[in-house]
Every structure is written in structure tokens, then in C-alpha cells.
């Protein structure tokens, strides 16, 4: 494994650990569920990490994921 693959692997492991900690420590199980838009954003971000060797593709997928996550946060903040 070369250095970029090691960084990608570490990033994925950290994301999984954070997700697991949030799921375990969540007091209200209803709030711990991902909305479909948040799930799609998470998928795009993971795809961007996997395709990180091709910078244009990787950064594009990461950007789409971040934009979708921000849209989801705005929608959730407006609905209460």
C-alpha cells in the first residue's frame, strides 16, 4: 500500500468509528437514523474517498456529498 491508500483507509476507519459512537451514544434512536438525503451524501463522500486517486473524480464526488449534506442540514433545521 502506498501513502495515499493508507490515508484513505485511516479516513474510512475513523468515519466508521465516529458513526458507531454516534449510534451507540444516541439517546433518542429516532434522531440517530439517517435521512435518505444524508445517506446519499455519505455514499458520495465514501465514493470520493475510494476514487481519490483520480483527483477530478474524487474531489467532485466529495463536493457533491458535502453539498447534499449541507442541503439536508438546512432542510432539517427549517422543519424543526
PDB file of N, CA and C in Angstrom:
ATOM      1  N   UNK A   1       0.847  -1.188   0.000  1.00  0.00           N
ATOM      2  CA  UNK A   1       0.000   0.000   0.000  1.00  0.00           C
ATOM      3  C   UNK A   1       0.883   1.240   0.000  1.00  0.00           C
ATOM      4  N   UNK A   2       0.476   2.187  -0.811  1.00  0.00           N
ATOM      5  CA  UNK A   2       1.230   3.432  -0.820  1.00  0.00           C
ATOM      6  C   UNK A   2       0.581   4.426   0.148  1.00  0.00           C
ATOM      7  N   UNK A   3       1.197   5.557   0.319  1.00  0.00           N
ATOM      8  CA  UNK A   3       0.792   6.539   1.323  1.00  0.00           C
ATOM      9  C   UNK A   3      -0.647   7.027   1.130  1.00  0.00           C
ATOM     10  N   UNK A   4      -1.096   7.411  -0.078  1.00  0.00           N
ATOM     11  CA  UNK A   4      -2.493   7.859  -0.212  1.00  0.00           C
ATOM     12  C   UNK A   4      -3.508   6.778   0.158  1.00  0.00           C
ATOM     13  N   UNK A   5      -3.226   5.537  -0.141  1.00  0.00           N
ATOM     14  CA  UNK A   5      -4.146   4.460   0.221  1.00  0.00           C
ATOM     15  C   UNK A   5      -4.213   4.280   1.733  1.00  0.00           C
ATOM     16  N   UNK A   6      -3.104   4.493   2.403  1.00  0.00           N
ATOM     17  CA  UNK A   6      -3.093   4.407   3.867  1.00  0.00           C
ATOM     18  C   UNK A   6      -3.950   5.522   4.463  1.00  0.00           C
ATOM     19  N   UNK A   7      -3.829   6.751   3.932  1.00  0.00           N
ATOM     20  CA  UNK A   7      -4.645   7.860   4.413  1.00  0.00           C
ATOM     21  C   UNK A   7      -6.129   7.604   4.165  1.00  0.00           C
ATOM     22  N   UNK A   8      -6.473   7.063   3.025  1.00  0.00           N
ATOM     23  CA  UNK A   8      -7.869   6.754   2.716  1.00  0.00           C
ATOM     24  C   UNK A   8      -8.395   5.702   3.673  1.00  0.00           C
ATOM     25  N   UNK A   9      -7.613   4.671   3.922  1.00  0.00           N
ATOM     26  CA  UNK A   9      -8.028   3.622   4.843  1.00  0.00           C
ATOM     27  C   UNK A   9      -8.228   4.180   6.253  1.00  0.00           C
ATOM     28  N   UNK A  10      -7.324   5.011   6.707  1.00  0.00           N
ATOM     29  CA  UNK A  10      -7.448   5.624   8.027  1.00  0.00           C
ATOM     30  C   UNK A  10      -8.696   6.498   8.085  1.00  0.00           C
ATOM     31  N   UNK A  11      -8.970   7.257   7.029  1.00  0.00           N
ATOM     32  CA  UNK A  11     -10.162   8.117   6.993  1.00  0.00           C
ATOM     33  C   UNK A  11     -11.435   7.300   7.085  1.00  0.00           C
ATOM     34  N   UNK A  12     -11.496   6.197   6.370  1.00  0.00           N
ATOM     35  CA  UNK A  12     -12.687   5.351   6.387  1.00  0.00           C
ATOM     36  C   UNK A  12     -12.876   4.734   7.762  1.00  0.00           C
ATOM     37  N   UNK A  13     -11.793   4.273   8.368  1.00  0.00           N
ATOM     38  CA  UNK A  13     -11.891   3.678   9.704  1.00  0.00           C
ATOM     39  C   UNK A  13     -12.355   4.717  10.721  1.00  0.00           C
ATOM     40  N   UNK A  14     -11.834   5.920  10.637  1.00  0.00           N
ATOM     41  CA  UNK A  14     -12.240   6.979  11.564  1.00  0.00           C
ATOM     42  C   UNK A  14     -13.717   7.323  11.365  1.00  0.00           C
ATOM     43  N   UNK A  15     -14.172   7.409  10.112  1.00  0.00           N
ATOM     44  CA  UNK A  15     -15.579   7.680   9.852  1.00  0.00           C
ATOM     45  C   UNK A  15     -16.476   6.585  10.423  1.00  0.00           C
ATOM     46  N   UNK A  16     -16.063   5.342  10.266  1.00  0.00           N
ATOM     47  CA  UNK A  16     -16.850   4.240  10.806  1.00  0.00           C
ATOM     48  C   UNK A  16     -16.899   4.274  12.335  1.00  0.00           C
ATOM     49  N   UNK A  17     -15.776   4.589  12.968  1.00  0.00           N
ATOM     50  CA  UNK A  17     -15.736   4.671  14.430  1.00  0.00           C
ATOM     51  C   UNK A  17     -16.629   5.803  14.924  1.00  0.00           C
ATOM     52  N   UNK A  18     -16.556   6.967  14.274  1.00  0.00           N
ATOM     53  CA  UNK A  18     -17.396   8.095  14.675  1.00  0.00           C
ATOM     54  C   UNK A  18     -18.872   7.748  14.497  1.00  0.00           C
ATOM     55  N   UNK A  19     -19.215   7.128  13.375  1.00  0.00           N
ATOM     56  CA  UNK A  19     -20.599   6.727  13.147  1.00  0.00           C
ATOM     57  C   UNK A  19     -21.084   5.732  14.182  1.00  0.00           C
ATOM     58  N   UNK A  20     -20.231   4.792  14.531  1.00  0.00           N
ATOM     59  CA  UNK A  20     -20.590   3.797  15.539  1.00  0.00           C
ATOM     60  C   UNK A  20     -20.778   4.446  16.911  1.00  0.00           C
ATOM     61  N   UNK A  21     -19.894   5.370  17.269  1.00  0.00           N
ATOM     62  CA  UNK A  21     -20.017   6.066  18.550  1.00  0.00           C
ATOM     63  C   UNK A  21     -21.295   6.897  18.613  1.00  0.00           C
ATOM     64  N   UNK A  22     -21.629   7.559  17.521  1.00  0.00           N
ATOM     65  CA  UNK A  22     -22.861   8.349  17.491  1.00  0.00           C
ATOM     66  C   UNK A  22     -24.070   7.431  17.631  1.00  0.00           C
ATOM     67  N   UNK A  23     -24.036   6.309  16.964  1.00  0.00           N
ATOM     68  CA  UNK A  23     -25.157   5.367  17.036  1.00  0.00           C
ATOM     69  C   UNK A  23     -25.309   4.797  18.438  1.00  0.00           C
ATOM     70  N   UNK A  24     -24.204   4.440  19.070  1.00  0.00           N
ATOM     71  CA  UNK A  24     -24.261   3.824  20.393  1.00  0.00           C
ATOM     72  C   UNK A  24     -24.672   4.826  21.460  1.00  0.00           C
ATOM     73  N   UNK A  25     -24.158   6.039  21.389  1.00  0.00           N
ATOM     74  CA  UNK A  25     -24.425   7.028  22.431  1.00  0.00           C
ATOM     75  C   UNK A  25     -25.713   7.807  22.212  1.00  0.00           C
ATOM     76  N   UNK A  26     -26.401   7.553  21.121  1.00  0.00           N
ATOM     77  CA  UNK A  26     -27.631   8.278  20.824  1.00  0.00           C
ATOM     78  C   UNK A  26     -28.717   7.866  21.815  1.00  0.00           C
ATOM     79  N   UNK A  27     -29.250   8.836  22.523  1.00  0.00           N
ATOM     80  CA  UNK A  27     -30.304   8.566  23.493  1.00  0.00           C
ATOM     81  C   UNK A  27     -31.645   8.365  22.790  1.00  0.00           C
ATOM     82  N   UNK A  28     -31.896   9.169  21.793  1.00  0.00           N
ATOM     83  CA  UNK A  28     -33.148   9.092  21.046  1.00  0.00           C
ATOM     84  C   UNK A  28     -32.863   8.357  19.733  1.00  0.00           C
ATOM     85  N   UNK A  29     -33.294   7.126  19.639  1.00  0.00           N
ATOM     86  CA  UNK A  29     -32.982   6.311  18.454  1.00  0.00           C
ATOM     87  C   UNK A  29     -33.586   6.890  17.184  1.00  0.00           C
ATOM     88  N   UNK A  30     -34.686   7.607  17.283  1.00  0.00           N
ATOM     89  CA  UNK A  30     -35.301   8.203  16.094  1.00  0.00           C
ATOM     90  C   UNK A  30     -34.376   9.234  15.463  1.00  0.00           C
ATOM     91  N   UNK A  31     -33.683  10.032  16.286  1.00  0.00           N
ATOM     92  CA  UNK A  31     -32.813  11.065  15.744  1.00  0.00           C
ATOM     93  C   UNK A  31     -31.517  10.481  15.167  1.00  0.00           C
ATOM     94  N   UNK A  32     -31.195   9.228  15.533  1.00  0.00           N
ATOM     95  CA  UNK A  32     -29.973   8.608  15.039  1.00  0.00           C
ATOM     96  C   UNK A  32     -30.085   8.074  13.627  1.00  0.00           C
ATOM     97  N   UNK A  33     -31.306   8.007  13.096  1.00  0.00           N
ATOM     98  CA  UNK A  33     -31.482   7.492  11.748  1.00  0.00           C
ATOM     99  C   UNK A  33     -31.095   8.538  10.714  1.00  0.00           C
ATOM    100  N   UNK A  34     -30.469   8.079   9.657  1.00  0.00           N
ATOM    101  CA  UNK A  34     -30.103   8.979   8.571  1.00  0.00           C
ATOM    102  C   UNK A  34     -31.290   9.174   7.644  1.00  0.00           C
ATOM    103  N   UNK A  35     -31.451  10.393   7.201  1.00  0.00           N
ATOM    104  CA  UNK A  35     -32.454  10.641   6.173  1.00  0.00           C
ATOM    105  C   UNK A  35     -31.908  10.107   4.848  1.00  0.00           C
ATOM    106  N   UNK A  36     -32.774   9.880   3.883  1.00  0.00           N
ATOM    107  CA  UNK A  36     -32.278   9.390   2.590  1.00  0.00           C
ATOM    108  C   UNK A  36     -31.250  10.330   1.946  1.00  0.00           C
ATOM    109  N   UNK A  37     -31.459  11.627   2.113  1.00  0.00           N
ATOM    110  CA  UNK A  37     -30.515  12.591   1.542  1.00  0.00           C
ATOM    111  C   UNK A  37     -29.165  12.532   2.255  1.00  0.00           C
ATOM    112  N   UNK A  38     -29.170  12.364   3.565  1.00  0.00           N
ATOM    113  CA  UNK A  38     -27.923  12.250   4.317  1.00  0.00           C
ATOM    114  C   UNK A  38     -27.193  10.951   3.961  1.00  0.00           C
ATOM    115  N   UNK A  39     -27.949   9.883   3.763  1.00  0.00           N
ATOM    116  CA  UNK A  39     -27.347   8.620   3.344  1.00  0.00           C
ATOM    117  C   UNK A  39     -26.699   8.731   1.977  1.00  0.00           C
ATOM    118  N   UNK A  40     -27.367   9.431   1.074  1.00  0.00           N
ATOM    119  CA  UNK A  40     -26.803   9.649  -0.260  1.00  0.00           C
ATOM    120  C   UNK A  40     -25.531  10.499  -0.182  1.00  0.00           C
ATOM    121  N   UNK A  41     -25.552  11.517   0.678  1.00  0.00           N
ATOM    122  CA  UNK A  41     -24.368  12.362   0.858  1.00  0.00           C
ATOM    123  C   UNK A  41     -23.210  11.541   1.416  1.00  0.00           C
ATOM    124  N   UNK A  42     -23.507  10.691   2.387  1.00  0.00           N
ATOM    125  CA  UNK A  42     -22.479   9.830   2.969  1.00  0.00           C
ATOM    126  C   UNK A  42     -21.898   8.893   1.904  1.00  0.00           C
ATOM    127  N   UNK A  43     -22.759   8.357   1.060  1.00  0.00           N
ATOM    128  CA  UNK A  43     -22.295   7.485  -0.024  1.00  0.00           C
ATOM    129  C   UNK A  43     -21.383   8.213  -1.001  1.00  0.00           C
ATOM    130  N   UNK A  44     -21.736   9.441  -1.360  1.00  0.00           N
ATOM    131  CA  UNK A  44     -20.886  10.219  -2.264  1.00  0.00           C
ATOM    132  C   UNK A  44     -19.537  10.522  -1.628  1.00  0.00           C
ATOM    133  N   UNK A  45     -19.533  10.819  -0.343  1.00  0.00           N
ATOM    134  CA  UNK A  45     -18.272  11.110   0.334  1.00  0.00           C
ATOM    135  C   UNK A  45     -17.385   9.869   0.370  1.00  0.00           C
ATOM    136  N   UNK A  46     -17.974   8.715   0.683  1.00  0.00           N
ATOM    137  CA  UNK A  46     -17.189   7.474   0.671  1.00  0.00           C
ATOM    138  C   UNK A  46     -16.679   7.149  -0.728  1.00  0.00           C
ATOM    139  N   UNK A  47     -17.519   7.366  -1.731  1.00  0.00           N
ATOM    140  CA  UNK A  47     -17.078   7.128  -3.108  1.00  0.00           C
ATOM    141  C   UNK A  47     -15.933   8.071  -3.481  1.00  0.00           C
ATOM    142  N   UNK A  48     -16.010   9.306  -3.004  1.00  0.00           N
ATOM    143  CA  UNK A  48     -14.919  10.258  -3.259  1.00  0.00           C
ATOM    144  C   UNK A  48     -13.622   9.814  -2.612  1.00  0.00           C
ATOM    145  N   UNK A  49     -13.717   9.190  -1.441  1.00  0.00           N
ATOM    146  CA  UNK A  49     -12.508   8.668  -0.793  1.00  0.00           C
ATOM    147  C   UNK A  49     -11.953   7.468  -1.551  1.00  0.00           C
ATOM    148  N   UNK A  50     -12.847   6.603  -2.028  1.00  0.00           N
ATOM    149  CA  UNK A  50     -12.391   5.425  -2.761  1.00  0.00           C
ATOM    150  C   UNK A  50     -11.757   5.789  -4.096  1.00  0.00           C
ATOM    151  N   UNK A  51     -12.316   6.789  -4.783  1.00  0.00           N
ATOM    152  CA  UNK A  51     -11.784   7.185  -6.083  1.00  0.00           C
ATOM    153  C   UNK A  51     -10.851   8.380  -5.957  1.00  0.00           C
ATOM    154  N   UNK A  52     -10.142   8.477  -4.854  1.00  0.00           N
ATOM    155  CA  UNK A  52      -9.254   9.593  -4.590  1.00  0.00           C
ATOM    156  C   UNK A  52      -8.024   9.639  -5.480  1.00  0.00           C
ATOM    157  N   UNK A  53      -7.692   8.513  -6.112  1.00  0.00           N
ATOM    158  CA  UNK A  53      -6.514   8.511  -6.978  1.00  0.00           C
ATOM    159  C   UNK A  53      -6.719   9.399  -8.202  1.00  0.00           C
ATOM    160  N   UNK A  54      -7.922   9.422  -8.719  1.00  0.00           N
ATOM    161  CA  UNK A  54      -8.261  10.330  -9.818  1.00  0.00           C
ATOM    162  C   UNK A  54      -8.819  11.588  -9.175  1.00  0.00           C
ATOM    163  N   UNK A  55      -8.021  12.608  -9.111  1.00  0.00           N
ATOM    164  CA  UNK A  55      -8.370  13.786  -8.326  1.00  0.00           C
ATOM    165  C   UNK A  55      -9.667  14.444  -8.767  1.00  0.00           C
ATOM    166  N   UNK A  56      -9.878  14.571 -10.065  1.00  0.00           N
ATOM    167  CA  UNK A  56     -11.088  15.238 -10.544  1.00  0.00           C
ATOM    168  C   UNK A  56     -12.331  14.472 -10.098  1.00  0.00           C
ATOM    169  N   UNK A  57     -12.295  13.164 -10.253  1.00  0.00           N
ATOM    170  CA  UNK A  57     -13.445  12.341  -9.868  1.00  0.00           C
ATOM    171  C   UNK A  57     -13.618  12.350  -8.350  1.00  0.00           C
ATOM    172  N   UNK A  58     -12.544  12.147  -7.616  1.00  0.00           N
ATOM    173  CA  UNK A  58     -12.619  12.099  -6.163  1.00  0.00           C
ATOM    174  C   UNK A  58     -13.111  13.394  -5.555  1.00  0.00           C
ATOM    175  N   UNK A  59     -12.551  14.517  -5.989  1.00  0.00           N
ATOM    176  CA  UNK A  59     -12.965  15.810  -5.455  1.00  0.00           C
ATOM    177  C   UNK A  59     -14.397  16.152  -5.867  1.00  0.00           C
ATOM    178  N   UNK A  60     -14.779  15.758  -7.060  1.00  0.00           N
ATOM    179  CA  UNK A  60     -16.155  16.010  -7.497  1.00  0.00           C
ATOM    180  C   UNK A  60     -17.151  15.247  -6.633  1.00  0.00           C
ATOM    181  N   UNK A  61     -16.860  13.979  -6.376  1.00  0.00           N
ATOM    182  CA  UNK A  61     -17.754  13.182  -5.541  1.00  0.00           C
ATOM    183  C   UNK A  61     -17.800  13.715  -4.107  1.00  0.00           C
ATOM    184  N   UNK A  62     -16.645  14.105  -3.576  1.00  0.00           N
ATOM    185  CA  UNK A  62     -16.617  14.698  -2.231  1.00  0.00           C
ATOM    186  C   UNK A  62     -17.428  15.992  -2.186  1.00  0.00           C
ATOM    187  N   UNK A  63     -17.277  16.816  -3.200  1.00  0.00           N
ATOM    188  CA  UNK A  63     -18.021  18.079  -3.262  1.00  0.00           C
ATOM    189  C   UNK A  63     -19.518  17.861  -3.324  1.00  0.00           C
ATOM    190  N   UNK A  64     -19.954  16.889  -4.141  1.00  0.00           N
ATOM    191  CA  UNK A  64     -21.377  16.579  -4.226  1.00  0.00           C
ATOM    192  C   UNK A  64     -21.896  16.104  -2.873  1.00  0.00           C
ATOM    193  N   UNK A  65     -21.115  15.270  -2.203  1.00  0.00           N
ATOM    194  CA  UNK A  65     -21.519  14.774  -0.889  1.00  0.00           C
ATOM    195  C   UNK A  65     -21.657  15.879   0.134  1.00  0.00           C
ATOM    196  N   UNK A  66     -20.723  16.803   0.139  1.00  0.00           N
ATOM    197  CA  UNK A  66     -20.775  17.920   1.090  1.00  0.00           C
ATOM    198  C   UNK A  66     -21.979  18.818   0.801  1.00  0.00           C
ATOM    199  N   UNK A  67     -22.224  19.094  -0.470  1.00  0.00           N
ATOM    200  CA  UNK A  67     -23.370  19.933  -0.831  1.00  0.00           C
ATOM    201  C   UNK A  67     -24.680  19.265  -0.408  1.00  0.00           C
ATOM    202  N   UNK A  68     -24.806  17.966  -0.654  1.00  0.00           N
ATOM    203  CA  UNK A  68     -26.015  17.252  -0.245  1.00  0.00           C
ATOM    204  C   UNK A  68     -26.177  17.247   1.281  1.00  0.00           C
ATOM    205  N   UNK A  69     -25.075  17.106   2.004  1.00  0.00           N
ATOM    206  CA  UNK A  69     -25.144  17.133   3.468  1.00  0.00           C
ATOM    207  C   UNK A  69     -25.591  18.503   3.974  1.00  0.00           C
ATOM    208  N   UNK A  70     -25.094  19.564   3.367  1.00  0.00           N
ATOM    209  CA  UNK A  70     -25.493  20.915   3.769  1.00  0.00           C
ATOM    210  C   UNK A  70     -26.974  21.139   3.461  1.00  0.00           C
ATOM    211  N   UNK A  71     -27.432  20.683   2.301  1.00  0.00           N
ATOM    212  CA  UNK A  71     -28.851  20.806   1.958  1.00  0.00           C
ATOM    213  C   UNK A  71     -29.705  20.057   2.976  1.00  0.00           C
ATOM    214  N   UNK A  72     -29.264  18.872   3.367  1.00  0.00           N
ATOM    215  CA  UNK A  72     -30.008  18.093   4.354  1.00  0.00           C
ATOM    216  C   UNK A  72     -30.050  18.814   5.703  1.00  0.00           C
ATOM    217  N   UNK A  73     -28.946  19.403   6.116  1.00  0.00           N
ATOM    218  CA  UNK A  73     -28.925  20.142   7.383  1.00  0.00           C
ATOM    219  C   UNK A  73     -29.865  21.343   7.341  1.00  0.00           C
ATOM    220  N   UNK A  74     -29.887  22.039   6.216  1.00  0.00           N
ATOM    221  CA  UNK A  74     -30.776  23.202   6.088  1.00  0.00           C
ATOM    222  C   UNK A  74     -32.232  22.763   6.136  1.00  0.00           C
ATOM    223  N   UNK A  75     -32.548  21.669   5.435  1.00  0.00           N
ATOM    224  CA  UNK A  75     -33.934  21.162   5.447  1.00  0.00           C
ATOM    225  C   UNK A  75     -34.358  20.721   6.845  1.00  0.00           C
ATOM    226  N   UNK A  76     -33.460  20.073   7.574  1.00  0.00           N
ATOM    227  CA  UNK A  76     -33.795  19.624   8.926  1.00  0.00           C
ATOM    228  C   UNK A  76     -33.947  20.801   9.893  1.00  0.00           C
ATOM    229  N   UNK A  77     -33.149  21.850   9.711  1.00  0.00           N
ATOM    230  CA  UNK A  77     -33.246  22.995  10.621  1.00  0.00           C
ATOM    231  C   UNK A  77     -34.539  23.793  10.388  1.00  0.00           C
ATOM    232  N   UNK A  78     -35.037  23.773   9.173  1.00  0.00           N
ATOM    233  CA  UNK A  78     -36.279  24.511   8.878  1.00  0.00           C
ATOM    234  C   UNK A  78     -37.513  23.751   9.348  1.00  0.00           C
ATOM    235  N   UNK A  79     -37.440  22.422   9.356  1.00  0.00           N
ATOM    236  CA  UNK A  79     -38.624  21.647   9.754  1.00  0.00           C
ATOM    237  C   UNK A  79     -38.722  21.476  11.273  1.00  0.00           C
ATOM    238  N   UNK A  80     -37.698  21.829  11.963  1.00  0.00           N
ATOM    239  CA  UNK A  80     -37.803  21.802  13.421  1.00  0.00           C
ATOM    240  C   UNK A  80     -36.973  20.756  14.006  1.00  0.00           C
TER     241      UNK A  80
END
